Amino acid sequence: MSHVIRPQMFRNVSASPKDPISSWPYEVYVATLQYGNVFDWRVFAEEIRRDPWGEVAELMNSVVHELPNLDASPLFFLILGQARGDEEIFFKSLPGRDNDYEAW
């Protein structure tokens, strides 16, 4: 898979869009969820769908749970749940936004 993600997502890290996605640091995930667009998000979504329990999915899961107020966190909450086969994902609340949230 070719990584089509803007270099701006890497401006404060020593990684590059040319590096394997599994080597991208936490900060790239955060920057992408906050400042990215659908083309940047697609790179992560494709990898999560390819391997829903892999390194990228697990790190994205951590970001979504630790920083639920990032712009694209709700989207990736759904992408992760759907990729992992959670049929109830569309009825759950994003972590950090509802006191009645149940871990998935």
Foldseek 3Di string as FASTA:
>chain_A
DQQDFDQVLCPPHPDGSRDPPLPDDLSSLLCCLAPNDPSNVVNLLVVCLVPLPDSSNVSLVVCLQVPVPRNCSLVSQLSSCVSVPNPCSVVADRHPPDPPGDDD
